[in-house]
N, C-alpha and C. Protein backbone atom coordinates (compact mmCIF):
# COMPACT_ATOMS: atom_id res chain seq x y z
N UNK A 1 0.85 -1.18 0.00
CA UNK A 1 0.00 0.00 0.00
C UNK A 1 0.89 1.24 0.00
N UNK A 2 0.52 2.18 -0.82
CA UNK A 2 1.30 3.41 -0.95
C UNK A 2 0.82 4.41 0.10
N UNK A 3 1.66 4.72 1.08
CA UNK A 3 1.29 5.62 2.17
C UNK A 3 1.16 7.06 1.70
N UNK A 4 1.94 7.46 0.75
CA UNK A 4 1.84 8.85 0.27
C UNK A 4 0.51 9.09 -0.44
N UNK A 5 0.02 8.07 -1.19
CA UNK A 5 -1.26 8.19 -1.87
C UNK A 5 -2.40 8.23 -0.86
N UNK A 6 -2.34 7.40 0.19
CA UNK A 6 -3.36 7.41 1.23
C UNK A 6 -3.35 8.73 1.99
N UNK A 7 -2.17 9.27 2.25
CA UNK A 7 -2.07 10.56 2.94
C UNK A 7 -2.66 11.69 2.10
N UNK A 8 -2.43 11.64 0.80
CA UNK A 8 -2.97 12.68 -0.09
C UNK A 8 -4.50 12.60 -0.15
N UNK A 9 -5.05 11.36 -0.20
CA UNK A 9 -6.51 11.19 -0.21
C UNK A 9 -7.12 11.73 1.09
N UNK A 10 -6.45 11.42 2.20
CA UNK A 10 -6.94 11.89 3.50
C UNK A 10 -6.90 13.41 3.56
N UNK A 11 -5.83 14.02 3.04
CA UNK A 11 -5.72 15.48 3.02
C UNK A 11 -6.84 16.09 2.18
N UNK A 12 -7.15 15.47 1.02
CA UNK A 12 -8.23 15.98 0.16
C UNK A 12 -9.59 15.87 0.85
N UNK A 13 -9.83 14.75 1.57
CA UNK A 13 -11.09 14.59 2.30
C UNK A 13 -11.23 15.63 3.41
N UNK A 14 -10.12 15.90 4.12
CA UNK A 14 -10.17 16.91 5.18
C UNK A 14 -10.41 18.30 4.59
N UNK A 15 -9.80 18.60 3.45
CA UNK A 15 -10.01 19.89 2.80
C UNK A 15 -11.45 20.03 2.33
N UNK A 16 -12.01 18.92 1.80
CA UNK A 16 -13.41 18.93 1.36
C UNK A 16 -14.34 19.14 2.56
N UNK A 17 -14.04 18.50 3.69
CA UNK A 17 -14.83 18.68 4.90
C UNK A 17 -14.77 20.12 5.39
N UNK A 18 -13.59 20.74 5.31
CA UNK A 18 -13.45 22.14 5.71
C UNK A 18 -14.29 23.05 4.81
N UNK A 19 -14.30 22.77 3.50
CA UNK A 19 -15.12 23.57 2.57
C UNK A 19 -16.61 23.43 2.89
N UNK A 20 -17.04 22.19 3.20
CA UNK A 20 -18.45 21.99 3.56
C UNK A 20 -18.82 22.75 4.83
N UNK A 21 -17.92 22.74 5.81
CA UNK A 21 -18.18 23.46 7.05
C UNK A 21 -18.24 24.97 6.79
N UNK A 22 -17.34 25.48 5.96
CA UNK A 22 -17.37 26.91 5.63
C UNK A 22 -18.65 27.29 4.89
N UNK A 23 -19.11 26.42 3.99
CA UNK A 23 -20.38 26.68 3.29
C UNK A 23 -21.56 26.70 4.27
N UNK A 24 -21.54 25.79 5.26
CA UNK A 24 -22.61 25.76 6.25
C UNK A 24 -22.60 27.04 7.09
N UNK A 25 -21.42 27.51 7.49
CA UNK A 25 -21.32 28.76 8.24
C UNK A 25 -21.84 29.93 7.42
N UNK A 26 -21.49 29.96 6.14
CA UNK A 26 -21.92 31.06 5.27
C UNK A 26 -23.43 31.05 5.09
N UNK A 27 -24.02 29.86 4.88
CA UNK A 27 -25.47 29.82 4.70
C UNK A 27 -26.19 30.16 6.00
N UNK A 28 -25.61 29.77 7.14
CA UNK A 28 -26.19 30.13 8.43
C UNK A 28 -26.14 31.64 8.64
N UNK A 29 -25.04 32.26 8.27
CA UNK A 29 -24.90 33.72 8.40
C UNK A 29 -25.92 34.43 7.52
N UNK A 30 -26.07 33.97 6.27
CA UNK A 30 -27.05 34.58 5.36
C UNK A 30 -28.48 34.41 5.90
N UNK A 31 -28.80 33.25 6.45
CA UNK A 31 -30.13 33.01 7.01
C UNK A 31 -30.38 33.95 8.18
N UNK A 32 -29.40 34.11 9.05
CA UNK A 32 -29.57 35.00 10.20
C UNK A 32 -29.74 36.44 9.76
N UNK A 33 -29.00 36.87 8.74
CA UNK A 33 -29.16 38.24 8.23
C UNK A 33 -30.55 38.46 7.67
N UNK A 34 -31.06 37.49 6.91
CA UNK A 34 -32.39 37.63 6.32
C UNK A 34 -33.48 37.66 7.40
N UNK A 35 -33.38 36.78 8.39
CA UNK A 35 -34.40 36.78 9.44
C UNK A 35 -34.33 38.04 10.29
N UNK A 36 -33.13 38.56 10.53
CA UNK A 36 -33.00 39.81 11.27
C UNK A 36 -33.62 40.96 10.49
N UNK A 37 -33.36 41.00 9.19
CA UNK A 37 -33.93 42.05 8.34
C UNK A 37 -35.46 41.98 8.35
N UNK A 38 -36.01 40.76 8.23
CA UNK A 38 -37.47 40.59 8.25
C UNK A 38 -38.03 41.02 9.60
N UNK A 39 -37.38 40.60 10.68
CA UNK A 39 -37.85 40.95 12.02
C UNK A 39 -37.80 42.46 12.24
N UNK A 40 -36.72 43.10 11.83
CA UNK A 40 -36.60 44.55 12.01
C UNK A 40 -37.63 45.32 11.21
N UNK A 41 -38.03 44.79 10.06
CA UNK A 41 -39.05 45.46 9.25
C UNK A 41 -40.43 45.39 9.90
N UNK A 42 -40.67 44.36 10.72
CA UNK A 42 -41.98 44.17 11.31
C UNK A 42 -42.09 44.71 12.74
N UNK A 43 -41.07 45.38 13.20
CA UNK A 43 -41.14 46.01 14.53
C UNK A 43 -41.92 47.31 14.39
N UNK A 44 -42.89 47.48 15.25
CA UNK A 44 -43.67 48.71 15.24
C UNK A 44 -43.10 49.65 16.31
N UNK A 45 -42.73 50.82 15.88
CA UNK A 45 -42.22 51.79 16.84
C UNK A 45 -43.39 52.42 17.58
N UNK A 46 -43.33 52.37 18.89
CA UNK A 46 -44.37 52.95 19.71
C UNK A 46 -43.84 54.26 20.28
N UNK A 47 -44.63 55.27 20.20
CA UNK A 47 -44.22 56.54 20.79
C UNK A 47 -45.25 56.92 21.84
N UNK A 48 -44.77 57.14 23.04
CA UNK A 48 -45.63 57.51 24.15
C UNK A 48 -45.27 58.92 24.61
N UNK A 49 -46.26 59.65 25.07
CA UNK A 49 -46.05 60.99 25.61
C UNK A 49 -46.53 61.03 27.05
N UNK A 50 -46.09 62.04 27.75
CA UNK A 50 -46.55 62.22 29.13
C UNK A 50 -48.06 62.46 29.10
N UNK A 51 -48.79 61.74 29.93
CA UNK A 51 -50.24 61.87 29.99
C UNK A 51 -50.98 60.80 29.23
N UNK A 52 -50.29 60.00 28.39
CA UNK A 52 -50.95 58.92 27.67
C UNK A 52 -51.35 57.82 28.63
N UNK A 53 -52.46 57.16 28.29
CA UNK A 53 -52.87 55.99 29.06
C UNK A 53 -52.32 54.75 28.35
N UNK A 54 -51.75 53.85 29.15
CA UNK A 54 -51.13 52.65 28.59
C UNK A 54 -51.52 51.43 29.42
N UNK A 55 -51.38 50.26 28.79
CA UNK A 55 -51.55 48.99 29.48
C UNK A 55 -50.18 48.36 29.65
N UNK A 56 -49.97 47.67 30.76
CA UNK A 56 -48.68 47.05 31.09
C UNK A 56 -48.81 45.54 30.97
N UNK A 57 -47.87 44.92 30.25
CA UNK A 57 -47.86 43.47 30.08
C UNK A 57 -47.41 42.82 31.37
N UNK A 58 -48.20 41.88 31.88
CA UNK A 58 -47.88 41.18 33.11
C UNK A 58 -47.14 39.90 32.75
N UNK A 59 -45.81 39.91 32.80
CA UNK A 59 -45.02 38.76 32.38
C UNK A 59 -44.98 37.68 33.45
N UNK A 60 -45.40 37.99 34.67
CA UNK A 60 -45.35 37.00 35.75
C UNK A 60 -46.60 36.15 35.83
N UNK A 61 -47.54 36.37 34.92
CA UNK A 61 -48.77 35.59 34.90
C UNK A 61 -48.45 34.19 34.38
N UNK A 62 -48.75 33.17 35.15
CA UNK A 62 -48.45 31.81 34.75
C UNK A 62 -49.56 31.27 33.85
N UNK A 63 -49.22 30.29 33.03
CA UNK A 63 -50.12 29.82 31.99
C UNK A 63 -51.39 29.20 32.53
N UNK A 64 -51.30 28.30 33.50
CA UNK A 64 -52.48 27.56 33.92
C UNK A 64 -53.17 28.15 35.15
N UNK A 65 -52.59 29.17 35.77
CA UNK A 65 -53.24 29.75 36.93
C UNK A 65 -54.47 30.56 36.54
N UNK A 66 -54.48 31.10 35.38
CA UNK A 66 -55.62 31.86 34.90
C UNK A 66 -55.48 32.07 33.42
N UNK A 67 -55.59 30.99 32.66
CA UNK A 67 -55.25 31.09 31.25
C UNK A 67 -56.22 31.95 30.46
N UNK A 68 -57.41 32.20 31.00
CA UNK A 68 -58.34 33.10 30.32
C UNK A 68 -58.24 34.52 30.85
N UNK A 69 -57.39 34.71 31.84
CA UNK A 69 -57.20 36.04 32.41
C UNK A 69 -56.34 36.87 31.48
N UNK A 70 -56.64 38.14 31.39
CA UNK A 70 -55.88 39.03 30.52
C UNK A 70 -54.46 39.21 31.05
N UNK A 71 -53.51 39.24 30.14
CA UNK A 71 -52.11 39.43 30.53
C UNK A 71 -51.74 40.90 30.60
N UNK A 72 -52.68 41.78 30.32
CA UNK A 72 -52.42 43.22 30.35
C UNK A 72 -53.13 43.82 31.56
N UNK A 73 -52.41 44.63 32.32
CA UNK A 73 -53.02 45.28 33.48
C UNK A 73 -52.98 46.79 33.27
N UNK A 74 -53.88 47.45 33.94
CA UNK A 74 -53.91 48.90 33.80
C UNK A 74 -55.32 49.40 33.64
N UNK A 75 -55.55 50.57 33.21
CA UNK A 75 -54.64 51.49 32.53
C UNK A 75 -53.80 52.32 33.52
N UNK A 76 -52.60 52.65 33.08
CA UNK A 76 -51.69 53.50 33.82
C UNK A 76 -51.50 54.79 33.04
N UNK A 77 -51.05 55.82 33.72
CA UNK A 77 -50.77 57.11 33.07
C UNK A 77 -49.26 57.32 33.08
N UNK A 78 -48.73 57.71 31.95
CA UNK A 78 -47.29 57.98 31.85
C UNK A 78 -47.02 59.34 32.47
N UNK A 79 -46.11 59.35 33.46
CA UNK A 79 -45.80 60.61 34.13
C UNK A 79 -44.43 61.15 33.74
N UNK A 80 -43.56 60.30 33.20
CA UNK A 80 -42.22 60.76 32.83
C UNK A 80 -41.66 59.82 31.76
N UNK A 81 -40.93 60.39 30.80
CA UNK A 81 -40.27 59.59 29.78
C UNK A 81 -38.77 59.79 29.87
N UNK A 82 -38.02 58.80 29.41
CA UNK A 82 -36.57 58.91 29.34
C UNK A 82 -36.14 58.71 27.90
N UNK A 83 -34.98 59.18 27.51
CA UNK A 83 -34.56 59.01 26.12
C UNK A 83 -34.16 57.58 25.79
N UNK A 84 -34.09 56.70 26.78
CA UNK A 84 -33.61 55.34 26.54
C UNK A 84 -34.74 54.33 26.44
N UNK A 85 -35.98 54.76 26.37
CA UNK A 85 -37.10 53.85 26.15
C UNK A 85 -37.77 53.35 27.41
N UNK A 86 -37.45 53.91 28.56
CA UNK A 86 -38.16 53.52 29.78
C UNK A 86 -39.11 54.65 30.17
N UNK A 87 -40.18 54.27 30.87
CA UNK A 87 -41.22 55.22 31.21
C UNK A 87 -41.59 55.07 32.67
N UNK A 88 -41.97 56.18 33.27
CA UNK A 88 -42.45 56.15 34.64
C UNK A 88 -43.96 56.17 34.59
N UNK A 89 -44.57 55.14 35.20
CA UNK A 89 -46.02 55.02 35.21
C UNK A 89 -46.57 55.46 36.56
N UNK A 90 -47.77 55.98 36.54
CA UNK A 90 -48.41 56.48 37.75
C UNK A 90 -49.79 55.84 37.86
N UNK A 91 -50.05 55.23 39.03
CA UNK A 91 -51.36 54.68 39.31
C UNK A 91 -51.72 55.06 40.73
N UNK A 92 -52.58 56.05 40.86
CA UNK A 92 -53.07 56.52 42.16
C UNK A 92 -51.91 56.86 43.10
N UNK A 93 -50.93 57.58 42.62
CA UNK A 93 -49.82 58.02 43.45
C UNK A 93 -48.65 57.06 43.50
N UNK A 94 -48.83 55.83 43.09
CA UNK A 94 -47.72 54.88 43.05
C UNK A 94 -46.99 55.03 41.72
N UNK A 95 -45.71 55.34 41.77
CA UNK A 95 -44.92 55.54 40.55
C UNK A 95 -43.85 54.47 40.46
N UNK A 96 -43.64 53.95 39.24
CA UNK A 96 -42.60 52.95 39.01
C UNK A 96 -42.16 53.03 37.55
N UNK A 97 -40.93 52.58 37.31
CA UNK A 97 -40.33 52.64 35.98
C UNK A 97 -40.49 51.28 35.29
N UNK A 98 -40.80 51.32 33.98
CA UNK A 98 -40.90 50.09 33.18
C UNK A 98 -40.26 50.33 31.82
N UNK A 99 -39.94 49.23 31.16
CA UNK A 99 -39.41 49.29 29.81
C UNK A 99 -40.56 49.53 28.84
N UNK A 100 -40.31 50.29 27.79
CA UNK A 100 -41.35 50.62 26.83
C UNK A 100 -41.84 49.44 26.02
N UNK A 101 -41.05 48.33 25.97
CA UNK A 101 -41.49 47.16 25.22
C UNK A 101 -42.65 46.44 25.91
N UNK A 102 -42.86 46.71 27.17
CA UNK A 102 -43.93 46.06 27.91
C UNK A 102 -45.23 46.87 27.92
N UNK A 103 -45.29 47.94 27.13
CA UNK A 103 -46.44 48.83 27.13
C UNK A 103 -47.16 48.81 25.79
N UNK A 104 -48.44 49.09 25.84
CA UNK A 104 -49.20 49.37 24.63
C UNK A 104 -50.24 50.42 24.95
N UNK A 105 -50.65 51.16 23.93
CA UNK A 105 -51.60 52.24 24.13
C UNK A 105 -52.94 51.70 24.61
N UNK A 106 -53.59 52.48 25.45
CA UNK A 106 -54.92 52.16 25.94
C UNK A 106 -55.87 53.17 25.33
N UNK A 107 -56.78 52.69 24.50
CA UNK A 107 -57.75 53.55 23.85
C UNK A 107 -59.13 53.26 24.41
N UNK A 108 -59.78 54.29 24.92
CA UNK A 108 -61.16 54.12 25.37
C UNK A 108 -61.86 55.47 25.26
N UNK A 109 -63.15 55.38 25.14
CA UNK A 109 -63.93 56.60 25.12
C UNK A 109 -64.25 56.97 26.56
N UNK A 110 -64.17 58.24 26.84
CA UNK A 110 -64.45 58.70 28.20
C UNK A 110 -65.94 58.60 28.52
N UNK A 111 -66.77 58.82 27.51
CA UNK A 111 -68.21 58.76 27.73
C UNK A 111 -68.76 57.48 27.10
N UNK A 112 -69.60 56.82 27.85
CA UNK A 112 -70.23 55.61 27.36
C UNK A 112 -71.55 56.00 26.71
N UNK A 113 -71.77 55.53 25.50
CA UNK A 113 -72.99 55.88 24.78
C UNK A 113 -74.18 55.06 25.26
N UNK A 114 -75.36 55.58 25.03
CA UNK A 114 -76.58 54.87 25.41
C UNK A 114 -77.05 54.05 24.23
N UNK A 115 -77.59 52.90 24.54
CA UNK A 115 -78.18 52.05 23.51
C UNK A 115 -79.67 52.29 23.53
N UNK A 116 -80.20 52.61 22.38
CA UNK A 116 -81.62 52.90 22.28
C UNK A 116 -82.33 51.73 21.63
N UNK A 117 -83.41 51.32 22.21
CA UNK A 117 -84.19 50.20 21.68
C UNK A 117 -85.42 50.75 20.98
N UNK A 118 -85.58 50.40 19.75
CA UNK A 118 -86.73 50.86 18.97
C UNK A 118 -87.57 49.65 18.61
N UNK A 119 -88.84 49.72 18.97
CA UNK A 119 -89.76 48.64 18.63
C UNK A 119 -90.34 48.93 17.25
N UNK A 120 -90.23 47.98 16.37
CA UNK A 120 -90.77 48.14 15.01
C UNK A 120 -92.20 47.61 14.98
N UNK A 121 -93.06 48.38 14.32
CA UNK A 121 -94.44 47.93 14.17
C UNK A 121 -94.48 46.86 13.08
N UNK A 122 -95.28 45.83 13.30
CA UNK A 122 -95.41 44.81 12.25
C UNK A 122 -96.14 45.41 11.03
N UNK A 123 -95.94 44.79 9.90
CA UNK A 123 -96.59 45.26 8.67
C UNK A 123 -98.10 45.07 8.78
N UNK A 124 -98.52 43.98 9.37
CA UNK A 124 -99.96 43.73 9.53
C UNK A 124 -100.41 44.30 10.86
N UNK A 125 -101.37 45.23 10.90
CA UNK A 125 -101.78 45.83 12.17
C UNK A 125 -102.56 44.88 13.07
N UNK A 126 -102.96 43.68 12.57
CA UNK A 126 -103.74 42.76 13.39
C UNK A 126 -102.83 42.12 14.42
N UNK A 127 -103.29 41.98 15.64
CA UNK A 127 -102.49 41.29 16.65
C UNK A 127 -102.42 39.79 16.32
N UNK A 128 -101.38 39.11 16.70
CA UNK A 128 -101.31 37.65 16.42
C UNK A 128 -102.35 36.91 17.23
N UNK A 129 -102.88 35.82 16.68
CA UNK A 129 -103.93 35.07 17.39
C UNK A 129 -103.42 34.34 18.61
């Protein structure tokens, strides 16, 4: 058996394996770039001002303790903003800081409308038997 020929074959197999690994790294890098680009395009920028009403995401709510319970608590009023994306919330004098990613706008009408019931007359004026 020729040892130099076997060594050369082994060297070529190792080089081929290195090329396959480099191709896998490159395709993984391209996949991560594409998914990051897609994710960044679908991020909605939220802008909050002082005085806005917001809901706070309750991340400590466990799945089976109240799975039909809403995960959003509030409404809270924003009393202070920071340039770094955190906000100070106020609820009846209690103030605390939270990250802006845990907030969403709270929209509600201040006045509740009345529902009016109108009875329609039947086409036939005769009462039913």
